[in-house]
Amino acid sequence: MKAKQLILNLLVAAPELVSSKQIIAMCALFDITANSTRVTLARLLSDQFVQSPRRSLYTLGPAAVELADDLANWRLLEEKVCPWDNQWIAAYIGNLGRADRTALRKRTRILQLAGFAEFEQGLMIRPNNLQGGAEQVRIRLYRLGLEKSARIFTLGDLPASDQAMAMNLWDRDSLDTQYQFGRQQMLDWMDKHQTLDGNTAARESYMLGGETLRHLAFDPLLPAEMVDVNARKAYIDTMKTYDDLGREIWLRLYQFHQGMD
């Protein structure tokens, strides 16, 4: 467990400003030392991923807010989907260059967050099954930091062989398996959570919830022609219930450590 991601996730979920003592206590649940937590906080502050409006109190900084807001919309994922017209949303990035490895990694991550896969070098695509089509996808990609010189457009009328190839760019079986297996994991944990002490429940709920949110963040939201959309909906619905429970558990811990400040 990395201190950076844990701290950012804690601040995303926190209902108010979080003290350094609370952050240190939460990180200790994952065997992260107080010194390591303080060093990480200082780096995050310097990089503007967190900010401190008052002494020893923290919240998300400007460098993290945009992505955090985007990822927080996972509860609305199904509302973004519409019937597929067998066309594609394409992102042409062949003009952007690949020499800058940092920029390349950032670009790749942004496109993956929007469900794109590489059709051929310089051309990424995803099914045109999102509300607002290419225009709304373009707005989201640019907001997340994709270079404005990337070209986002609708691509259609692919030859049958290319259409078949395009439909197999994603590991569809793995997605369907995750929907079913991941949902069962959450159901099983919710059945047993009352047998756990507070610290263990908080730690376990975070680990499984974090894994689920990562899957949802990078879920390409493929259409019914490609994956089991009913299983995906059930997966998301179960995560909503699980997330509500996890937030209750973590809020109790926040309040406990707040009372110790």
Protein backbone atom coordinates (compact mmCIF):
# COMPACT_ATOMS: atom_id res chain seq x y z
CA MET A 1 0.00 0.00 0.00
CA LYS A 2 1.52 3.33 -1.10
CA ALA A 3 1.10 6.28 1.23
CA LYS A 4 0.46 8.73 -1.62
CA GLN A 5 -2.58 6.94 -3.02
CA LEU A 6 -3.95 6.15 0.42
CA ILE A 7 -3.74 9.79 1.55
CA LEU A 8 -5.38 11.06 -1.63
CA ASN A 9 -8.18 8.49 -1.35
CA LEU A 10 -8.75 9.43 2.29
CA LEU A 11 -9.06 13.10 1.37
CA VAL A 12 -11.46 12.31 -1.47
CA ALA A 13 -13.75 10.42 0.90
CA ALA A 14 -13.42 12.75 3.89
CA PRO A 15 -16.51 14.88 4.66
CA GLU A 16 -14.37 17.80 5.93
CA LEU A 17 -10.80 18.92 6.49
CA VAL A 18 -8.60 16.12 7.83
CA SER A 19 -5.91 16.65 10.44
CA SER A 20 -2.38 15.31 10.13
CA LYS A 21 -3.03 13.17 13.25
CA GLN A 22 -6.05 11.58 11.57
CA ILE A 23 -4.08 10.90 8.40
CA ILE A 24 -1.21 9.36 10.37
CA ALA A 25 -3.65 7.17 12.31
CA MET A 26 -5.41 6.01 9.12
CA CYS A 27 -2.10 5.21 7.42
CA ALA A 28 -0.98 3.25 10.47
CA LEU A 29 -3.79 0.78 9.75
CA PHE A 30 -1.79 -0.20 6.67
CA ASP A 31 1.58 -0.33 8.48
CA ILE A 32 2.72 3.00 7.04
CA THR A 33 4.93 4.78 9.57
CA ALA A 34 4.23 8.28 10.86
CA ASN A 35 7.51 9.53 9.37
CA SER A 36 6.69 8.11 5.95
CA THR A 37 3.24 9.69 6.12
CA ARG A 38 4.66 13.11 7.02
CA VAL A 39 7.21 12.95 4.18
CA THR A 40 4.52 11.96 1.69
CA LEU A 41 2.22 14.74 2.90
CA ALA A 42 5.01 17.28 2.42
CA ARG A 43 5.62 16.07 -1.15
CA LEU A 44 1.91 16.13 -1.98
CA LEU A 45 1.69 19.64 -0.60
CA SER A 46 4.68 20.76 -2.69
CA ASP A 47 3.17 19.20 -5.84
CA GLN A 48 -0.24 20.80 -5.08
CA PHE A 49 -2.01 17.46 -4.82
CA VAL A 50 -3.07 18.51 -1.33
CA GLN A 51 -3.46 21.92 0.29
CA SER A 52 -3.53 23.06 3.89
CA PRO A 53 -5.93 25.97 4.46
CA ARG A 54 -5.20 25.83 8.19
CA ARG A 55 -2.24 24.52 10.14
CA SER A 56 -2.11 20.69 10.18
CA LEU A 57 -5.46 20.43 8.33
CA TYR A 58 -5.58 19.08 4.79
CA THR A 59 -7.84 18.76 1.77
CA LEU A 60 -7.34 17.99 -1.93
CA GLY A 61 -5.22 20.44 -3.89
CA PRO A 62 -5.79 21.83 -7.39
CA ALA A 63 -3.59 19.22 -9.09
CA ALA A 64 -5.84 16.40 -7.82
CA VAL A 65 -9.33 17.92 -7.89
CA GLU A 66 -10.08 17.49 -11.62
CA LEU A 67 -9.25 13.78 -11.75
CA ALA A 68 -10.87 13.15 -8.35
CA ASP A 69 -14.10 14.77 -9.51
CA ASP A 70 -14.07 12.69 -12.69
CA LEU A 71 -13.48 9.42 -10.84
CA ALA A 72 -16.12 10.29 -8.23
CA ASN A 73 -18.79 10.02 -10.94
CA TRP A 74 -18.62 6.21 -10.94
CA ARG A 75 -22.14 6.03 -9.45
CA LEU A 76 -23.47 7.57 -12.67
CA LEU A 77 -21.62 5.31 -15.10
CA GLU A 78 -24.69 3.51 -16.42
CA GLU A 79 -26.39 6.83 -17.13
CA LYS A 80 -23.58 7.70 -19.54
CA VAL A 81 -24.26 4.69 -21.78
CA CYS A 82 -26.59 4.66 -24.77
CA PRO A 83 -27.35 2.06 -27.49
CA TRP A 84 -24.43 1.36 -29.81
CA ASP A 85 -24.71 2.39 -33.46
CA ASN A 86 -21.81 0.12 -34.52
CA GLN A 87 -19.61 3.17 -35.01
CA TRP A 88 -16.53 4.17 -33.01
CA ILE A 89 -15.14 7.23 -31.28
CA ALA A 90 -11.56 7.62 -32.47
CA ALA A 91 -8.60 9.51 -31.03
CA TYR A 92 -5.82 10.22 -33.49
CA ILE A 93 -2.60 10.83 -31.55
CA GLY A 94 -0.02 9.94 -34.23
CA ASN A 95 0.90 13.62 -34.51
CA LEU A 96 1.85 13.95 -30.82
CA GLY A 97 5.13 12.07 -30.79
CA ARG A 98 6.39 9.36 -28.43
CA ALA A 99 9.81 10.66 -27.34
CA ASP A 100 8.56 12.25 -24.12
CA ARG A 101 7.93 9.15 -22.02
CA THR A 102 6.23 11.07 -19.20
CA ALA A 103 3.79 12.71 -21.61
CA LEU A 104 3.21 9.36 -23.32
CA ARG A 105 2.34 7.65 -20.02
CA LYS A 106 -0.04 10.46 -19.06
CA ARG A 107 -1.70 10.38 -22.51
CA THR A 108 -2.10 6.60 -22.41
CA ARG A 109 -3.64 6.70 -18.92
CA ILE A 110 -6.13 9.41 -19.89
CA LEU A 111 -7.25 7.47 -22.95
CA GLN A 112 -7.54 4.24 -20.97
CA LEU A 113 -9.70 6.03 -18.39
CA ALA A 114 -12.06 6.88 -21.25
CA GLY A 115 -12.16 3.27 -22.46
CA PHE A 116 -9.93 3.61 -25.53
CA ALA A 117 -7.81 0.79 -26.94
CA GLU A 118 -5.17 0.91 -29.66
CA PHE A 119 -6.52 0.01 -33.10
CA GLU A 120 -3.23 0.74 -34.79
CA GLN A 121 -0.25 2.89 -33.85
CA GLY A 122 -1.43 6.45 -33.42
CA LEU A 123 -5.13 5.58 -33.56
CA MET A 124 -7.14 4.72 -30.45
CA ILE A 125 -10.82 3.82 -30.55
CA ARG A 126 -13.79 2.96 -28.34
CA PRO A 127 -17.43 2.11 -29.15
CA ASN A 128 -19.66 5.10 -29.87
CA ASN A 129 -22.12 4.20 -27.12
CA LEU A 130 -21.74 7.13 -24.73
CA GLN A 131 -24.21 9.98 -24.30
CA GLY A 132 -23.07 13.01 -26.27
CA GLY A 133 -20.85 10.98 -28.57
CA ALA A 134 -17.45 12.20 -29.70
CA GLU A 135 -18.10 15.79 -28.60
CA GLN A 136 -18.62 14.92 -24.93
CA VAL A 137 -15.72 12.45 -24.96
CA ARG A 138 -13.50 15.17 -26.46
CA ILE A 139 -14.49 17.59 -23.68
CA ARG A 140 -13.72 14.99 -21.00
CA LEU A 141 -10.36 14.02 -22.51
CA TYR A 142 -9.20 17.61 -22.79
CA ARG A 143 -10.39 18.35 -19.26
CA LEU A 144 -8.32 15.42 -17.97
CA GLY A 145 -5.25 16.79 -19.68
CA LEU A 146 -5.04 15.23 -23.15
CA GLU A 147 -3.21 17.50 -25.58
CA LYS A 148 -5.58 19.71 -27.56
CA SER A 149 -3.80 18.69 -30.77
CA ALA A 150 -5.21 15.17 -30.40
CA ARG A 151 -8.04 14.68 -32.89
CA ILE A 152 -11.27 13.16 -31.53
CA PHE A 153 -13.91 12.14 -34.08
CA THR A 154 -16.51 9.54 -35.04
CA LEU A 155 -15.30 6.62 -37.14
CA GLY A 156 -17.71 4.41 -39.09
CA ASP A 157 -18.13 2.09 -42.06
CA LEU A 158 -15.21 -0.14 -41.16
CA PRO A 159 -14.75 -3.22 -43.36
CA ALA A 160 -16.15 -6.35 -41.72
CA SER A 161 -12.69 -7.69 -40.90
CA ASP A 162 -11.65 -4.43 -39.22
CA GLN A 163 -14.96 -4.25 -37.33
CA ALA A 164 -14.38 -7.75 -35.98
CA MET A 165 -10.82 -6.88 -35.01
CA ALA A 166 -11.97 -3.71 -33.29
CA MET A 167 -14.53 -5.58 -31.21
CA ASN A 168 -11.79 -7.83 -29.85
CA LEU A 169 -9.42 -5.11 -28.67
CA TRP A 170 -10.73 -5.52 -25.11
CA ASP A 171 -10.60 -8.64 -22.93
CA ARG A 172 -14.37 -9.01 -22.78
CA ASP A 173 -14.32 -12.32 -20.91
CA SER A 174 -12.24 -10.76 -18.12
CA LEU A 175 -14.71 -7.91 -17.82
CA ASP A 176 -17.67 -10.29 -17.48
CA THR A 177 -15.75 -12.37 -14.93
CA GLN A 178 -14.93 -9.28 -12.87
CA TYR A 179 -18.57 -8.19 -12.82
CA GLN A 180 -19.67 -11.54 -11.40
CA PHE A 181 -16.68 -12.37 -9.17
CA GLY A 182 -16.25 -8.82 -7.87
CA ARG A 183 -19.92 -8.54 -6.99
CA GLN A 184 -19.81 -11.82 -5.06
CA GLN A 185 -16.72 -10.66 -3.16
CA MET A 186 -18.57 -7.56 -1.99
CA LEU A 187 -21.68 -9.51 -1.02
CA ASP A 188 -19.61 -12.01 0.98
CA TRP A 189 -17.75 -9.23 2.80
CA MET A 190 -20.93 -7.36 3.70
CA ASP A 191 -22.32 -10.59 5.16
CA LYS A 192 -19.32 -10.96 7.50
CA HIS A 193 -18.30 -7.38 8.30
CA GLN A 194 -20.14 -7.24 11.65
CA THR A 195 -17.85 -9.97 12.98
CA LEU A 196 -14.78 -7.73 12.46
CA ASP A 197 -13.29 -5.14 14.79
CA GLY A 198 -13.38 -1.52 13.64
CA ASN A 199 -9.78 -1.31 12.41
CA THR A 200 -9.96 -4.57 10.48
CA ALA A 201 -13.30 -3.63 8.93
CA ALA A 202 -11.90 -0.26 7.82
CA ARG A 203 -8.76 -1.81 6.35
CA GLU A 204 -10.56 -4.59 4.51
CA SER A 205 -13.36 -2.36 3.24
CA TYR A 206 -10.77 0.04 1.83
CA MET A 207 -8.76 -2.70 0.10
CA LEU A 208 -11.73 -4.33 -1.63
CA GLY A 209 -13.47 -1.02 -2.31
CA GLY A 210 -10.31 0.46 -3.78
CA GLU A 211 -9.85 -2.53 -6.06
CA THR A 212 -13.44 -2.23 -7.25
CA LEU A 213 -13.13 1.49 -7.90
CA ARG A 214 -9.99 0.90 -9.96
CA HIS A 215 -11.89 -1.58 -12.10
CA LEU A 216 -14.75 0.88 -12.53
CA ALA A 217 -12.41 3.77 -13.33
CA PHE A 218 -10.89 1.84 -16.22
CA ASP A 219 -14.06 0.03 -17.30
CA PRO A 220 -14.53 0.81 -21.01
CA LEU A 221 -18.33 0.67 -20.68
CA LEU A 222 -18.67 -1.62 -23.68
CA PRO A 223 -22.10 -2.14 -25.26
CA ALA A 224 -24.42 -5.14 -24.90
CA GLU A 225 -23.06 -6.54 -28.16
CA MET A 226 -19.71 -7.03 -26.43
CA VAL A 227 -20.24 -7.67 -22.68
CA ASP A 228 -22.95 -8.66 -20.19
CA VAL A 229 -24.37 -5.22 -19.37
CA ASN A 230 -26.84 -6.63 -16.83
CA ALA A 231 -23.94 -8.11 -14.86
CA ARG A 232 -22.15 -4.76 -15.04
CA LYS A 233 -25.20 -2.94 -13.70
CA ALA A 234 -25.52 -5.42 -10.83
CA TYR A 235 -21.81 -4.96 -10.07
CA ILE A 236 -22.18 -1.18 -9.88
CA ASP A 237 -25.38 -1.37 -7.83
CA THR A 238 -23.70 -3.68 -5.33
CA MET A 239 -20.73 -1.33 -5.12
CA LYS A 240 -23.08 1.54 -4.23
CA THR A 241 -24.36 -0.40 -1.21
CA TYR A 242 -20.82 -1.51 -0.31
CA ASP A 243 -19.49 2.04 -0.61
CA ASP A 244 -22.22 3.41 1.67
CA LEU A 245 -21.27 0.84 4.30
CA GLY A 246 -17.55 1.52 3.93
CA ARG A 247 -18.11 5.25 4.34
CA GLU A 248 -20.01 4.63 7.58
CA ILE A 249 -17.12 2.53 8.91
CA TRP A 250 -14.49 5.11 7.98
CA LEU A 251 -16.56 8.02 9.30
CA ARG A 252 -16.65 6.36 12.71
CA LEU A 253 -12.85 6.09 12.62
CA TYR A 254 -12.46 9.70 11.52
CA GLN A 255 -14.70 10.86 14.37
CA PHE A 256 -12.86 8.67 16.89
CA HIS A 257 -9.45 10.07 15.95
CA GLN A 258 -10.86 13.59 15.68
CA GLY A 259 -11.92 13.32 19.30
CA MET A 260 -8.34 12.41 20.20
CA ASP A 261 -6.85 15.57 18.62
